């Protein structure tokens, strides 16, 4: 395979034992996102800044150096499906090097997911479910009035019909997404079996400065754990 394409990618791929369940993997960060979620902890890489533009061989060279340590490669962001050509290149590189390939996505590009499933380029998908399946709530969270809930619902349906490993992940955020009824609505939508709740952790890279110091109280965390237990949902 001749690799000529460019990619907006941040930093060097790093080894992870937590981003892909039961799989040691290399994580690649693609730059650029179509959402502006207030609680996003990757705020510095949301824009397509030329300082992140490089030849994709730079990424695959770094992956080659670590390939003997890992079982797979997972691409996150940002939103990786906004760069379909380099995403395909890395997926094909993984296949050629006998590695698994995974994707973290917000689900707004079901066409790319459908293509990757058809070509058997995917082994794992982590779909970030932002909130309940109502367009007004999604727009409130993502700050993108052009958010397509139709695409996201199609992505959910594609994963449910697929034979690959997948997870639906929702980050619970103080003041934004945290209510028991919201957790139940999302669980009813995606199903509890593949649903993961993630607890928001404040940091200096969070997009909204007002959220950089907030956290759940012990009482709130206890309620979340109780709801998760009732619904059979795992919490990280």
Protein backbone atom coordinates (compact mmCIF):
# COMPACT_ATOMS: atom_id res chain seq x y z
CA UNK A 1 0.00 0.00 0.00
CA UNK A 2 1.39 3.40 -1.01
CA UNK A 3 0.77 5.98 1.70
CA UNK A 4 0.62 9.56 0.45
CA UNK A 5 -2.19 11.21 2.38
CA UNK A 6 -1.97 13.88 5.04
CA UNK A 7 -3.69 13.77 8.40
CA UNK A 8 -4.48 16.16 11.23
CA UNK A 9 -3.17 14.20 14.21
CA UNK A 10 -2.09 15.25 17.69
CA UNK A 11 0.97 13.93 19.47
CA UNK A 12 2.45 10.47 19.22
CA UNK A 13 0.40 7.26 19.47
CA UNK A 14 0.55 5.89 22.99
CA UNK A 15 -0.03 2.50 24.57
CA UNK A 16 -3.27 1.98 26.51
CA UNK A 17 -4.86 -0.81 28.51
CA UNK A 18 -8.12 1.05 29.29
CA UNK A 19 -9.47 2.48 26.02
CA UNK A 20 -10.38 -0.90 24.51
CA UNK A 21 -11.77 -3.55 26.89
CA UNK A 22 -9.48 -6.57 27.26
CA UNK A 23 -7.20 -5.29 24.50
CA UNK A 24 -3.81 -3.61 24.74
CA UNK A 25 -3.79 -0.99 22.03
CA UNK A 26 -2.11 2.07 20.55
CA UNK A 27 -4.26 5.20 20.69
CA UNK A 28 -4.12 7.72 17.84
CA UNK A 29 -5.69 11.18 18.27
CA UNK A 30 -7.21 12.73 15.15
CA UNK A 31 -7.72 16.49 15.29
CA UNK A 32 -10.99 18.24 14.46
CA UNK A 33 -14.56 17.77 15.67
CA UNK A 34 -18.06 18.76 14.56
CA UNK A 35 -19.23 19.06 18.19
CA UNK A 36 -18.34 21.59 20.86
CA UNK A 37 -19.46 19.74 23.97
CA UNK A 38 -18.89 21.93 27.01
CA UNK A 39 -17.40 19.05 29.00
CA UNK A 40 -14.99 17.90 26.27
CA UNK A 41 -11.53 17.33 27.77
CA UNK A 42 -9.82 17.47 24.37
CA UNK A 43 -10.61 21.13 23.71
CA UNK A 44 -7.11 21.90 22.32
CA UNK A 45 -7.64 19.56 19.34
CA UNK A 46 -11.18 20.44 18.26
CA UNK A 47 -10.10 22.81 15.47
CA UNK A 48 -8.29 21.81 12.27
CA UNK A 49 -5.07 23.67 13.03
CA UNK A 50 -2.27 23.36 10.45
CA UNK A 51 0.26 22.79 13.21
CA UNK A 52 -1.20 19.29 13.53
CA UNK A 53 -1.02 18.49 9.80
CA UNK A 54 1.49 15.78 8.91
CA UNK A 55 2.10 12.96 6.47
CA UNK A 56 0.32 9.85 7.61
CA UNK A 57 3.58 7.92 7.36
CA UNK A 58 4.63 9.77 10.50
CA UNK A 59 1.74 8.10 12.33
CA UNK A 60 2.25 4.63 10.86
CA UNK A 61 5.99 4.80 11.57
CA UNK A 62 5.26 5.47 15.24
CA UNK A 63 2.69 2.69 15.27
CA UNK A 64 5.23 0.29 13.78
CA UNK A 65 7.61 1.02 16.64
CA UNK A 66 4.98 -0.09 19.16
CA UNK A 67 3.22 -2.79 17.16
CA UNK A 68 5.03 -5.67 18.86
CA UNK A 69 3.61 -4.53 22.22
CA UNK A 70 -0.05 -4.29 21.29
CA UNK A 71 -3.00 -6.23 19.90
CA UNK A 72 -4.70 -3.34 18.14
CA UNK A 73 -4.91 0.31 17.13
CA UNK A 74 -7.77 2.62 18.09
CA UNK A 75 -8.40 6.08 16.65
CA UNK A 76 -10.11 8.76 18.69
CA UNK A 77 -10.33 12.54 18.58
CA UNK A 78 -11.87 14.93 17.91
CA UNK A 79 -14.13 13.05 15.55
CA UNK A 80 -12.07 10.64 13.41
CA UNK A 81 -14.71 10.14 10.71
CA UNK A 82 -14.22 13.75 9.59
CA UNK A 83 -10.97 12.48 8.02
CA UNK A 84 -12.16 9.34 6.20
CA UNK A 85 -9.13 8.85 3.92
CA UNK A 86 -6.42 8.77 6.62
CA UNK A 87 -8.79 6.79 8.85
CA UNK A 88 -9.08 4.17 6.11
CA UNK A 89 -5.32 4.18 5.62
CA UNK A 90 -4.66 3.41 9.27
CA UNK A 91 -7.37 0.72 9.34
CA UNK A 92 -5.83 -0.96 6.29
CA UNK A 93 -2.35 -0.61 7.81
CA UNK A 94 -3.61 -2.39 10.93
CA UNK A 95 -5.02 -5.22 8.86
CA UNK A 96 -1.78 -5.58 6.88
CA UNK A 97 0.14 -5.80 10.16
CA UNK A 98 -2.22 -8.36 11.72
CA UNK A 99 -3.56 -5.88 14.28
CA UNK A 100 -7.12 -5.23 15.39
CA UNK A 101 -8.65 -1.84 14.56
CA UNK A 102 -11.00 0.21 16.72
CA UNK A 103 -12.79 3.56 16.51
CA UNK A 104 -14.15 6.06 19.00
CA UNK A 105 -16.85 8.21 17.43
CA UNK A 106 -19.82 10.47 18.14
CA UNK A 107 -21.86 8.57 15.55
CA UNK A 108 -22.64 11.44 13.20
CA UNK A 109 -21.17 9.72 10.14
CA UNK A 110 -23.04 6.44 9.81
CA UNK A 111 -21.99 6.21 6.14
CA UNK A 112 -18.34 5.76 7.11
CA UNK A 113 -19.24 3.22 9.78
CA UNK A 114 -21.36 1.27 7.29
CA UNK A 115 -18.45 1.25 4.81
CA UNK A 116 -15.93 0.06 7.39
CA UNK A 117 -18.27 -2.72 8.54
CA UNK A 118 -18.84 -3.81 4.95
CA UNK A 119 -15.09 -3.92 4.29
CA UNK A 120 -14.53 -5.76 7.59
CA UNK A 121 -12.08 -3.11 8.78
CA UNK A 122 -13.56 -2.72 12.25
CA UNK A 123 -13.16 -4.87 15.36
CA UNK A 124 -14.41 -2.45 18.01
CA UNK A 125 -16.41 0.79 18.22
CA UNK A 126 -16.94 3.01 21.23
CA UNK A 127 -19.90 5.26 20.47
CA UNK A 128 -20.14 8.39 22.60
CA UNK A 129 -23.81 8.94 23.44
CA UNK A 130 -24.04 12.53 24.60
CA UNK A 131 -27.53 12.61 26.07
CA UNK A 132 -31.11 11.39 25.65
CA UNK A 133 -32.32 10.82 22.05
CA UNK A 134 -34.01 14.19 21.62
CA UNK A 135 -32.60 16.65 19.10
CA UNK A 136 -33.09 19.68 21.34
CA UNK A 137 -31.08 18.00 24.10
CA UNK A 138 -28.34 16.93 21.71
CA UNK A 139 -28.02 20.46 20.33
CA UNK A 140 -27.86 21.84 23.86
CA UNK A 141 -24.96 19.53 24.70
CA UNK A 142 -23.03 19.61 21.40
CA UNK A 143 -23.60 23.31 20.64
CA UNK A 144 -24.10 22.32 17.00
CA UNK A 145 -27.51 23.18 15.53
CA UNK A 146 -26.78 20.94 12.53
CA UNK A 147 -26.42 17.82 14.68
CA UNK A 148 -28.09 14.89 12.93
CA UNK A 149 -29.78 12.66 15.46
CA UNK A 150 -30.95 10.55 12.52
CA UNK A 151 -27.32 9.68 11.72
CA UNK A 152 -26.57 8.89 15.36
CA UNK A 153 -29.61 6.62 15.64
CA UNK A 154 -28.55 4.86 12.45
CA UNK A 155 -25.07 4.33 13.90
CA UNK A 156 -26.62 2.80 17.04
CA UNK A 157 -28.72 0.48 14.87
CA UNK A 158 -25.74 -0.54 12.72
CA UNK A 159 -23.71 -1.51 15.77
CA UNK A 160 -26.56 -3.50 17.29
CA UNK A 161 -26.86 -5.50 14.07
CA UNK A 162 -23.12 -6.02 13.71
CA UNK A 163 -20.98 -8.89 14.99
CA UNK A 164 -18.12 -6.69 16.24
CA UNK A 165 -17.33 -5.63 19.80
CA UNK A 166 -18.91 -2.30 20.73
CA UNK A 167 -19.80 -0.03 23.64
CA UNK A 168 -22.16 2.90 24.09
CA UNK A 169 -20.57 5.40 26.48
CA UNK A 170 -22.21 8.35 28.20
CA UNK A 171 -20.25 10.81 30.31
CA UNK A 172 -22.25 12.00 33.29
CA UNK A 173 -21.53 15.68 33.94
CA UNK A 174 -22.65 17.80 36.91
CA UNK A 175 -25.40 20.24 35.87
CA UNK A 176 -25.60 18.81 32.33
CA UNK A 177 -26.21 15.06 32.11
CA UNK A 178 -26.73 13.33 35.43
CA UNK A 179 -30.41 12.77 36.28
CA UNK A 180 -31.68 9.21 36.90
CA UNK A 181 -34.42 9.65 34.30
CA UNK A 182 -31.83 10.66 31.69
CA UNK A 183 -29.78 7.54 32.43
CA UNK A 184 -32.93 5.41 32.08
CA UNK A 185 -33.91 7.03 28.77
CA UNK A 186 -30.48 6.43 27.27
CA UNK A 187 -30.44 2.85 28.57
CA UNK A 188 -33.85 2.21 27.00
CA UNK A 189 -32.49 3.55 23.70
CA UNK A 190 -29.18 1.71 23.42
CA UNK A 191 -29.74 -1.23 25.80
CA UNK A 192 -28.04 -1.84 29.12
CA UNK A 193 -25.86 -4.75 27.97
CA UNK A 194 -23.42 -2.56 26.03
CA UNK A 195 -23.97 0.68 27.96
CA UNK A 196 -21.19 2.27 30.03
CA UNK A 197 -21.48 5.30 32.31
CA UNK A 198 -18.38 7.44 32.67
CA UNK A 199 -17.99 9.94 35.49
CA UNK A 200 -16.81 13.39 34.41
CA UNK A 201 -13.40 14.35 35.77
CA UNK A 202 -12.54 18.06 35.73
CA UNK A 203 -9.30 19.18 34.11
CA UNK A 204 -7.70 22.32 32.71
CA UNK A 205 -8.27 21.12 29.13
CA UNK A 206 -12.09 21.02 29.46
CA UNK A 207 -13.70 23.27 26.85
CA UNK A 208 -15.95 25.24 29.23
CA UNK A 209 -13.89 26.96 31.95
CA UNK A 210 -16.93 26.83 34.25
CA UNK A 211 -16.64 23.02 34.32
CA UNK A 212 -12.93 22.77 35.03
CA UNK A 213 -13.43 22.62 38.78
CA UNK A 214 -16.81 20.92 39.18
CA UNK A 215 -17.37 17.35 40.35
CA UNK A 216 -20.15 15.18 41.75
CA UNK A 217 -20.74 15.02 45.49
CA UNK A 218 -20.56 11.66 47.26
CA UNK A 219 -24.35 11.74 47.60
CA UNK A 220 -24.77 12.25 43.84
CA UNK A 221 -22.28 9.49 43.06
CA UNK A 222 -24.12 7.14 45.39
CA UNK A 223 -27.38 7.82 43.54
CA UNK A 224 -25.68 7.23 40.18
CA UNK A 225 -24.28 3.92 41.40
CA UNK A 226 -27.71 2.87 42.66
CA UNK A 227 -29.37 3.70 39.32
CA UNK A 228 -26.62 1.85 37.47
CA UNK A 229 -27.10 -1.19 39.70
CA UNK A 230 -30.87 -1.17 39.16
CA UNK A 231 -30.49 -1.01 35.37
CA UNK A 232 -27.51 -3.34 35.09
CA UNK A 233 -25.23 -0.62 33.72
CA UNK A 234 -21.48 -0.61 34.28
CA UNK A 235 -19.82 2.53 35.64
CA UNK A 236 -16.26 3.69 35.05
